[in-house]
Structure formats: structure tokens, C-alpha cells
Amino acid sequence: MYEVRTRMFENTTNNVIGIASFVVDGKFAFNGIRVISSDNAERGFFLAMPSYKVGDSRYVDYFHPISSE
């Protein structure tokens, strides 16, 4: 079972057109997934996973458990 939530932005100045979050089987949560519109019309849209910066230049994707299982 999946739970999905989205929030679309209007009149953005960059290519991020919305934010999505989802929960997988009530066990793992992915929050802050960016929905991005490509400048190239053939590519359409893509998703950027949430991440945090480690050190000076490296970014690490992450998600977190929401149950003790």
C-alpha cells in the first residue's frame, strides 16, 4: 500500500513545479521529493530525491523508517 501526497506550485521562478511525499507499506517515508520540469520538452518531467549535504560537495539521498518493523 502506498500513500502519496503532492503539492503543486504556481508561478515558480525555477523549474521546480511541485513537492511530493510518499509512504511505502506504512514502513518507510520519502519526504520532499521535487517534481522538476525539464528545459528540454522531449524530456518532460523528472523527480529529484530528497538529499542532504555531506562535507563540502557530496549529497546523500535519504528516507526514514516510520515503524519499528
C-alpha atoms as a PDB file:
ATOM      1  CA  MET A   1       0.000   0.000   0.000  1.00  0.00           C
ATOM      2  CA  TYR A   2       1.239   3.475  -0.863  1.00  0.00           C
ATOM      3  CA  GLU A   3       0.196   6.871   0.443  1.00  0.00           C
ATOM      4  CA  VAL A   4       1.094   9.754  -1.872  1.00  0.00           C
ATOM      5  CA  ARG A   5       0.773  13.488  -1.259  1.00  0.00           C
ATOM      6  CA  THR A   6       1.628  16.232  -3.711  1.00  0.00           C
ATOM      7  CA  ARG A   7       1.767  19.992  -3.586  1.00  0.00           C
ATOM      8  CA  MET A   8       1.978  21.894  -6.852  1.00  0.00           C
ATOM      9  CA  PHE A   9       3.467  25.387  -7.085  1.00  0.00           C
ATOM     10  CA  GLU A  10       2.108  28.161  -9.270  1.00  0.00           C
ATOM     11  CA  ASN A  11       4.206  30.913 -10.844  1.00  0.00           C
ATOM     12  CA  THR A  12       7.587  29.471  -9.895  1.00  0.00           C
ATOM     13  CA  THR A  13      10.776  31.222 -10.976  1.00  0.00           C
ATOM     14  CA  ASN A  14      12.707  27.956 -11.289  1.00  0.00           C
ATOM     15  CA  ASN A  15      11.960  24.530 -12.755  1.00  0.00           C
ATOM     16  CA  VAL A  16      10.577  23.012  -9.516  1.00  0.00           C
ATOM     17  CA  ILE A  17       6.828  22.739 -10.088  1.00  0.00           C
ATOM     18  CA  GLY A  18       5.880  20.767  -7.002  1.00  0.00           C
ATOM     19  CA  ILE A  19       6.808  18.661  -3.996  1.00  0.00           C
ATOM     20  CA  ALA A  20       5.755  15.056  -3.398  1.00  0.00           C
ATOM     21  CA  SER A  21       5.916  12.722  -0.411  1.00  0.00           C
ATOM     22  CA  PHE A  22       5.005   9.080  -0.138  1.00  0.00           C
ATOM     23  CA  VAL A  23       4.877   6.258   2.382  1.00  0.00           C
ATOM     24  CA  VAL A  24       5.572   2.631   1.417  1.00  0.00           C
ATOM     25  CA  ASP A  25       3.555  -0.030   3.283  1.00  0.00           C
ATOM     26  CA  GLY A  26       3.371   2.186   6.374  1.00  0.00           C
ATOM     27  CA  LYS A  27       7.076   1.487   6.989  1.00  0.00           C
ATOM     28  CA  PHE A  28       9.238   3.932   5.037  1.00  0.00           C
ATOM     29  CA  ALA A  29       8.666   7.607   4.272  1.00  0.00           C
ATOM     30  CA  PHE A  30      10.147   9.668   1.465  1.00  0.00           C
ATOM     31  CA  ASN A  31       9.521  13.391   2.033  1.00  0.00           C
ATOM     32  CA  GLY A  32      10.456  16.403  -0.050  1.00  0.00           C
ATOM     33  CA  ILE A  33      10.721  14.780  -3.488  1.00  0.00           C
ATOM     34  CA  ARG A  34      10.952  17.618  -6.005  1.00  0.00           C
ATOM     35  CA  VAL A  35       8.951  17.439  -9.246  1.00  0.00           C
ATOM     36  CA  ILE A  36      11.014  19.276 -11.855  1.00  0.00           C
ATOM     37  CA  SER A  37      10.131  20.428 -15.355  1.00  0.00           C
ATOM     38  CA  SER A  38      12.935  19.937 -17.866  1.00  0.00           C
ATOM     39  CA  ASP A  39      14.033  22.763 -20.160  1.00  0.00           C
ATOM     40  CA  ASN A  40      14.065  20.170 -22.949  1.00  0.00           C
ATOM     41  CA  ALA A  41      10.434  19.467 -23.987  1.00  0.00           C
ATOM     42  CA  GLU A  42      11.288  15.904 -25.060  1.00  0.00           C
ATOM     43  CA  ARG A  43      12.441  15.000 -21.540  1.00  0.00           C
ATOM     44  CA  GLY A  44       9.292  16.302 -19.831  1.00  0.00           C
ATOM     45  CA  PHE A  45       9.370  15.986 -16.034  1.00  0.00           C
ATOM     46  CA  PHE A  46      11.637  14.183 -13.581  1.00  0.00           C
ATOM     47  CA  LEU A  47      11.884  13.608  -9.836  1.00  0.00           C
ATOM     48  CA  ALA A  48      14.747  14.634  -7.558  1.00  0.00           C
ATOM     49  CA  MET A  49      15.081  12.613  -4.388  1.00  0.00           C
ATOM     50  CA  PRO A  50      15.428  14.427  -1.072  1.00  0.00           C
ATOM     51  CA  SER A  51      19.052  14.748  -0.016  1.00  0.00           C
ATOM     52  CA  TYR A  52      21.358  16.362   2.470  1.00  0.00           C
ATOM     53  CA  LYS A  53      24.861  17.688   2.084  1.00  0.00           C
ATOM     54  CA  VAL A  54      27.803  15.725   3.496  1.00  0.00           C
ATOM     55  CA  GLY A  55      31.115  17.516   3.667  1.00  0.00           C
ATOM     56  CA  ASP A  56      31.878  20.188   1.096  1.00  0.00           C
ATOM     57  CA  SER A  57      30.469  18.771  -2.127  1.00  0.00           C
ATOM     58  CA  ARG A  58      28.736  15.414  -1.707  1.00  0.00           C
ATOM     59  CA  TYR A  59      24.958  14.948  -1.395  1.00  0.00           C
ATOM     60  CA  VAL A  60      23.327  11.798   0.030  1.00  0.00           C
ATOM     61  CA  ASP A  61      19.753  10.701  -0.739  1.00  0.00           C
ATOM     62  CA  TYR A  62      17.716   9.587   2.229  1.00  0.00           C
ATOM     63  CA  PHE A  63      14.428   8.241   3.526  1.00  0.00           C
ATOM     64  CA  HIS A  64      13.386   7.190   7.011  1.00  0.00           C
ATOM     65  CA  PRO A  65      11.504   4.370   8.712  1.00  0.00           C
ATOM     66  CA  ILE A  66       8.208   5.238  10.395  1.00  0.00           C
ATOM     67  CA  SER A  67       7.536   1.950  12.180  1.00  0.00           C
ATOM     68  CA  SER A  68       9.600  -0.262  14.468  1.00  0.00           C
ATOM     69  CA  GLU A  69       9.489  -3.142  11.972  1.00  0.00           C
END
